[in-house]
Amino acid sequence: MVETSVNENSGLTIIVLKPNNSASWQFNMVLFGSLAFILFCMSVYFASKGLWLVFPFAGLEVAVLFTCLYLRVRANHNKEVITFDDTTVVVERGYRYAEKSWKYHRLLTKVFVKQPTFRGHPKQVYIRSHGKELELGSFLNKKDKGILINNLKSIIYA
C-alpha cells in the first residue's frame, strides 16, 4: 500500500509504504485456535490408544506454528517512510517506530528502477547516493510498485 501526502506550503512530501495484509490478527488467531483444537483432539485420541508420547510433540508443533504466525504478522506491519524535504531525503524503516534510518542530500540522490530478471516479477526501485544504494518497497506487489514509481516521478520532476 502506498500513501502519499504533500504539504504545498512547505514543500514536504511524505510517502508511506506498507505491505498488504490479507488477514487480520483476529482471523489468524481463529485459524490458529482451530488448528490447535484439531491437533489436541487427535492427540487425545492417540493418547487414549496408549501413544501418550504424542502430547509433547503436539505441543511443540503448536508452539512452532504460533511462532511462525507471529513473525509473519509482525513482518506484515513493517513500514517504510520516505520524506522529501527541500534539501534532504530521509528513508525510515521499522515496526512501531523508525528502527533504521538513512539520510541523503537531495541534490546528490538518484532514484532509479531496475527491470526484473524474470518475467512476471515486479520492478525494483532503488535510491542511490555516494555509491550506496537502498531498495525501496521490496515488499510491494506489482501494482503498488507502479504507483510508487509514478509518485516518485511526480515528486522528482515537479
C-alpha atoms as a PDB file:
ATOM      1  CA  MET A   1       0.000   0.000   0.000  1.00  0.00           C
ATOM      2  CA  VAL A   2       1.371   3.403  -0.969  1.00  0.00           C
ATOM      3  CA  GLU A   3       0.135   6.578   0.754  1.00  0.00           C
ATOM      4  CA  THR A   4       1.438   9.957  -0.385  1.00  0.00           C
ATOM      5  CA  SER A   5       0.884  13.300   1.317  1.00  0.00           C
ATOM      6  CA  VAL A   6       2.171  16.625   0.035  1.00  0.00           C
ATOM      7  CA  ASN A   7       2.300  19.854   2.029  1.00  0.00           C
ATOM      8  CA  GLU A   8       2.030  22.634  -0.574  1.00  0.00           C
ATOM      9  CA  ASN A   9       3.208  25.375   1.812  1.00  0.00           C
ATOM     10  CA  SER A  10       6.455  23.789   2.999  1.00  0.00           C
ATOM     11  CA  GLY A  11       7.146  21.512   0.019  1.00  0.00           C
ATOM     12  CA  LEU A  12       7.411  18.499   2.334  1.00  0.00           C
ATOM     13  CA  THR A  13       6.358  15.216   0.724  1.00  0.00           C
ATOM     14  CA  ILE A  14       5.885  12.001   2.696  1.00  0.00           C
ATOM     15  CA  ILE A  15       5.410   8.560   1.133  1.00  0.00           C
ATOM     16  CA  VAL A  16       4.373   5.727   3.463  1.00  0.00           C
ATOM     17  CA  LEU A  17       4.866   2.162   2.201  1.00  0.00           C
ATOM     18  CA  LYS A  18       3.122  -0.742   3.930  1.00  0.00           C
ATOM     19  CA  PRO A  19       2.668  -4.385   2.872  1.00  0.00           C
ATOM     20  CA  ASN A  20      -0.825  -5.589   2.057  1.00  0.00           C
ATOM     21  CA  ASN A  21      -2.309  -7.528   4.968  1.00  0.00           C
ATOM     22  CA  SER A  22      -4.591 -10.243   3.691  1.00  0.00           C
ATOM     23  CA  ALA A  23      -5.765 -11.303   7.152  1.00  0.00           C
ATOM     24  CA  SER A  24      -6.192  -9.530  10.472  1.00  0.00           C
ATOM     25  CA  TRP A  25      -4.664 -10.676  13.748  1.00  0.00           C
ATOM     26  CA  GLN A  26      -8.097 -11.860  14.948  1.00  0.00           C
ATOM     27  CA  PHE A  27      -8.578 -14.042  11.861  1.00  0.00           C
ATOM     28  CA  ASN A  28      -5.098 -15.513  12.307  1.00  0.00           C
ATOM     29  CA  MET A  29      -5.881 -16.318  15.945  1.00  0.00           C
ATOM     30  CA  VAL A  30      -9.144 -18.046  14.951  1.00  0.00           C
ATOM     31  CA  LEU A  31      -7.223 -20.092  12.385  1.00  0.00           C
ATOM     32  CA  PHE A  32      -4.525 -20.915  14.948  1.00  0.00           C
ATOM     33  CA  GLY A  33      -7.115 -21.865  17.589  1.00  0.00           C
ATOM     34  CA  SER A  34      -8.979 -24.174  15.224  1.00  0.00           C
ATOM     35  CA  LEU A  35      -5.770 -25.923  14.146  1.00  0.00           C
ATOM     36  CA  ALA A  36      -4.644 -26.252  17.781  1.00  0.00           C
ATOM     37  CA  PHE A  37      -8.054 -27.691  18.736  1.00  0.00           C
ATOM     38  CA  ILE A  38      -7.914 -30.269  15.932  1.00  0.00           C
ATOM     39  CA  LEU A  39      -4.377 -31.228  16.932  1.00  0.00           C
ATOM     40  CA  PHE A  40      -5.422 -31.524  20.580  1.00  0.00           C
ATOM     41  CA  CYS A  41      -8.356 -33.800  19.668  1.00  0.00           C
ATOM     42  CA  MET A  42      -6.057 -36.019  17.612  1.00  0.00           C
ATOM     43  CA  SER A  43      -3.537 -36.130  20.460  1.00  0.00           C
ATOM     44  CA  VAL A  44      -6.232 -37.156  22.963  1.00  0.00           C
ATOM     45  CA  TYR A  45      -7.344 -39.924  20.610  1.00  0.00           C
ATOM     46  CA  PHE A  46      -3.819 -41.294  20.217  1.00  0.00           C
ATOM     47  CA  ALA A  47      -3.127 -40.909  23.941  1.00  0.00           C
ATOM     48  CA  SER A  48      -6.259 -42.964  24.693  1.00  0.00           C
ATOM     49  CA  LYS A  49      -4.801 -45.713  22.487  1.00  0.00           C
ATOM     50  CA  GLY A  50      -1.632 -45.724  24.613  1.00  0.00           C
ATOM     51  CA  LEU A  51       0.505 -43.419  22.497  1.00  0.00           C
ATOM     52  CA  TRP A  52       0.923 -40.718  25.144  1.00  0.00           C
ATOM     53  CA  LEU A  53       4.218 -39.524  23.651  1.00  0.00           C
ATOM     54  CA  VAL A  54       2.192 -37.654  21.027  1.00  0.00           C
ATOM     55  CA  PHE A  55       1.385 -34.858  23.529  1.00  0.00           C
ATOM     56  CA  PRO A  56       4.870 -33.268  23.797  1.00  0.00           C
ATOM     57  CA  PHE A  57       5.301 -33.273  20.020  1.00  0.00           C
ATOM     58  CA  ALA A  58       1.829 -31.826  19.504  1.00  0.00           C
ATOM     59  CA  GLY A  59       2.666 -29.068  21.976  1.00  0.00           C
ATOM     60  CA  LEU A  60       5.923 -28.396  20.150  1.00  0.00           C
ATOM     61  CA  GLU A  61       4.069 -28.245  16.841  1.00  0.00           C
ATOM     62  CA  VAL A  62       1.569 -25.721  18.245  1.00  0.00           C
ATOM     63  CA  ALA A  63       4.422 -23.578  19.619  1.00  0.00           C
ATOM     64  CA  VAL A  64       6.257 -23.589  16.273  1.00  0.00           C
ATOM     65  CA  LEU A  65       3.032 -22.752  14.413  1.00  0.00           C
ATOM     66  CA  PHE A  66       2.317 -19.820  16.740  1.00  0.00           C
ATOM     67  CA  THR A  67       5.900 -18.524  16.447  1.00  0.00           C
ATOM     68  CA  CYS A  68       5.827 -18.634  12.644  1.00  0.00           C
ATOM     69  CA  LEU A  69       2.424 -16.967  12.522  1.00  0.00           C
ATOM     70  CA  TYR A  70       3.508 -14.226  14.918  1.00  0.00           C
ATOM     71  CA  LEU A  71       6.699 -13.480  12.978  1.00  0.00           C
ATOM     72  CA  ARG A  72       4.787 -13.322   9.674  1.00  0.00           C
ATOM     73  CA  VAL A  73       2.121 -10.976  11.049  1.00  0.00           C
ATOM     74  CA  ARG A  74       4.819  -8.778  12.627  1.00  0.00           C
ATOM     75  CA  ALA A  75       6.657  -8.584   9.300  1.00  0.00           C
ATOM     76  CA  ASN A  76       3.413  -7.508   7.621  1.00  0.00           C
ATOM     77  CA  HIS A  77       3.229  -4.499   9.938  1.00  0.00           C
ATOM     78  CA  ASN A  78       6.617  -3.073   8.992  1.00  0.00           C
ATOM     79  CA  LYS A  79       6.588   0.327   7.319  1.00  0.00           C
ATOM     80  CA  GLU A  80       8.862   2.436   5.176  1.00  0.00           C
ATOM     81  CA  VAL A  81       8.505   6.201   5.323  1.00  0.00           C
ATOM     82  CA  ILE A  82      10.225   8.298   2.646  1.00  0.00           C
ATOM     83  CA  THR A  83      10.363  12.023   3.382  1.00  0.00           C
ATOM     84  CA  PHE A  84      11.357  14.531   0.692  1.00  0.00           C
ATOM     85  CA  ASP A  85      12.380  17.938   2.037  1.00  0.00           C
ATOM     86  CA  ASP A  86      13.935  20.874   0.173  1.00  0.00           C
ATOM     87  CA  THR A  87      17.459  19.653   0.913  1.00  0.00           C
ATOM     88  CA  THR A  88      17.191  16.087   2.228  1.00  0.00           C
ATOM     89  CA  VAL A  89      15.639  12.716   1.565  1.00  0.00           C
ATOM     90  CA  VAL A  90      15.070  10.553   4.646  1.00  0.00           C
ATOM     91  CA  VAL A  91      14.144   6.855   4.480  1.00  0.00           C
ATOM     92  CA  GLU A  92      12.943   5.252   7.720  1.00  0.00           C
ATOM     93  CA  ARG A  93      12.042   1.626   8.322  1.00  0.00           C
ATOM     94  CA  GLY A  94      10.518  -0.026  11.345  1.00  0.00           C
ATOM     95  CA  TYR A  95       7.668  -1.771  13.094  1.00  0.00           C
ATOM     96  CA  ARG A  96       6.290   0.740  15.598  1.00  0.00           C
ATOM     97  CA  TYR A  97       8.962   3.407  15.261  1.00  0.00           C
ATOM     98  CA  ALA A  98      11.901   4.121  12.966  1.00  0.00           C
ATOM     99  CA  GLU A  99      14.286   1.278  13.749  1.00  0.00           C
ATOM    100  CA  LYS A 100      16.592   2.147  10.850  1.00  0.00           C
ATOM    101  CA  SER A 101      17.062   5.484   9.156  1.00  0.00           C
ATOM    102  CA  TRP A 102      19.010   6.711   6.129  1.00  0.00           C
ATOM    103  CA  LYS A 103      19.528  10.374   5.312  1.00  0.00           C
ATOM    104  CA  TYR A 104      20.587  11.597   1.871  1.00  0.00           C
ATOM    105  CA  HIS A 105      21.278  15.008   0.393  1.00  0.00           C
ATOM    106  CA  ARG A 106      18.521  15.594  -2.143  1.00  0.00           C
ATOM    107  CA  LEU A 107      20.689  17.015  -4.923  1.00  0.00           C
ATOM    108  CA  LEU A 108      23.153  14.112  -4.740  1.00  0.00           C
ATOM    109  CA  THR A 109      20.481  11.414  -4.620  1.00  0.00           C
ATOM    110  CA  LYS A 110      19.194   9.434  -7.590  1.00  0.00           C
ATOM    111  CA  VAL A 111      16.158   7.193  -7.692  1.00  0.00           C
ATOM    112  CA  PHE A 112      16.219   4.501 -10.353  1.00  0.00           C
ATOM    113  CA  VAL A 113      14.218   1.462 -11.402  1.00  0.00           C
ATOM    114  CA  LYS A 114      15.725  -1.917 -12.285  1.00  0.00           C
ATOM    115  CA  GLN A 115      13.810  -4.168 -14.614  1.00  0.00           C
ATOM    116  CA  PRO A 116      13.073  -7.640 -13.231  1.00  0.00           C
ATOM    117  CA  THR A 117      15.338 -10.512 -14.220  1.00  0.00           C
ATOM    118  CA  PHE A 118      12.363 -12.854 -14.543  1.00  0.00           C
ATOM    119  CA  ARG A 119       9.174 -12.056 -16.426  1.00  0.00           C
ATOM    120  CA  GLY A 120       6.229 -11.528 -14.092  1.00  0.00           C
ATOM    121  CA  HIS A 121       8.293 -10.269 -11.163  1.00  0.00           C
ATOM    122  CA  PRO A 122       7.864  -6.657 -10.003  1.00  0.00           C
ATOM    123  CA  LYS A 123      10.405  -3.969 -10.809  1.00  0.00           C
ATOM    124  CA  GLN A 124      12.906  -2.942  -8.148  1.00  0.00           C
ATOM    125  CA  VAL A 125      13.094   0.675  -7.003  1.00  0.00           C
ATOM    126  CA  TYR A 126      16.406   1.916  -5.586  1.00  0.00           C
ATOM    127  CA  ILE A 127      17.679   5.143  -4.114  1.00  0.00           C
ATOM    128  CA  ARG A 128      21.402   5.790  -4.567  1.00  0.00           C
ATOM    129  CA  SER A 129      23.812   8.323  -3.109  1.00  0.00           C
ATOM    130  CA  HIS A 130      27.576   8.284  -2.645  1.00  0.00           C
ATOM    131  CA  GLY A 131      27.918   4.796  -4.152  1.00  0.00           C
ATOM    132  CA  LYS A 132      25.469   3.209  -1.708  1.00  0.00           C
ATOM    133  CA  GLU A 133      22.029   2.057  -2.745  1.00  0.00           C
ATOM    134  CA  LEU A 134      18.915   1.090  -0.844  1.00  0.00           C
ATOM    135  CA  GLU A 135      15.890  -0.773  -2.194  1.00  0.00           C
ATOM    136  CA  LEU A 136      12.548   0.902  -1.565  1.00  0.00           C
ATOM    137  CA  GLY A 137       9.352  -1.078  -1.058  1.00  0.00           C
ATOM    138  CA  SER A 138      10.796  -4.563  -1.509  1.00  0.00           C
ATOM    139  CA  PHE A 139       7.555  -5.990  -0.072  1.00  0.00           C
ATOM    140  CA  LEU A 140       5.238  -4.212  -2.528  1.00  0.00           C
ATOM    141  CA  ASN A 141       3.386  -6.018  -5.294  1.00  0.00           C
ATOM    142  CA  LYS A 142       3.474  -5.054  -8.997  1.00  0.00           C
ATOM    143  CA  LYS A 143       0.555  -2.622  -8.832  1.00  0.00           C
ATOM    144  CA  ASP A 144       1.860  -0.801  -5.748  1.00  0.00           C
ATOM    145  CA  LYS A 145       5.369  -0.577  -7.230  1.00  0.00           C
ATOM    146  CA  GLY A 146       3.860   1.120 -10.280  1.00  0.00           C
ATOM    147  CA  ILE A 147       2.098   3.622  -8.021  1.00  0.00           C
ATOM    148  CA  LEU A 148       5.351   4.222  -6.113  1.00  0.00           C
ATOM    149  CA  ILE A 149       7.271   4.807  -9.361  1.00  0.00           C
ATOM    150  CA  ASN A 150       4.666   7.301 -10.613  1.00  0.00           C
ATOM    151  CA  ASN A 151       4.678   9.146  -7.266  1.00  0.00           C
ATOM    152  CA  LEU A 152       8.469   9.339  -7.248  1.00  0.00           C
ATOM    153  CA  LYS A 153       8.481  10.664 -10.826  1.00  0.00           C
ATOM    154  CA  SER A 154       5.967  13.372  -9.943  1.00  0.00           C
ATOM    155  CA  ILE A 155       7.987  14.377  -6.858  1.00  0.00           C
ATOM    156  CA  ILE A 156      11.388  14.387  -8.521  1.00  0.00           C
ATOM    157  CA  TYR A 157      10.390  16.039 -11.790  1.00  0.00           C
ATOM    158  CA  ALA A 158       7.968  18.568 -10.254  1.00  0.00           C
END
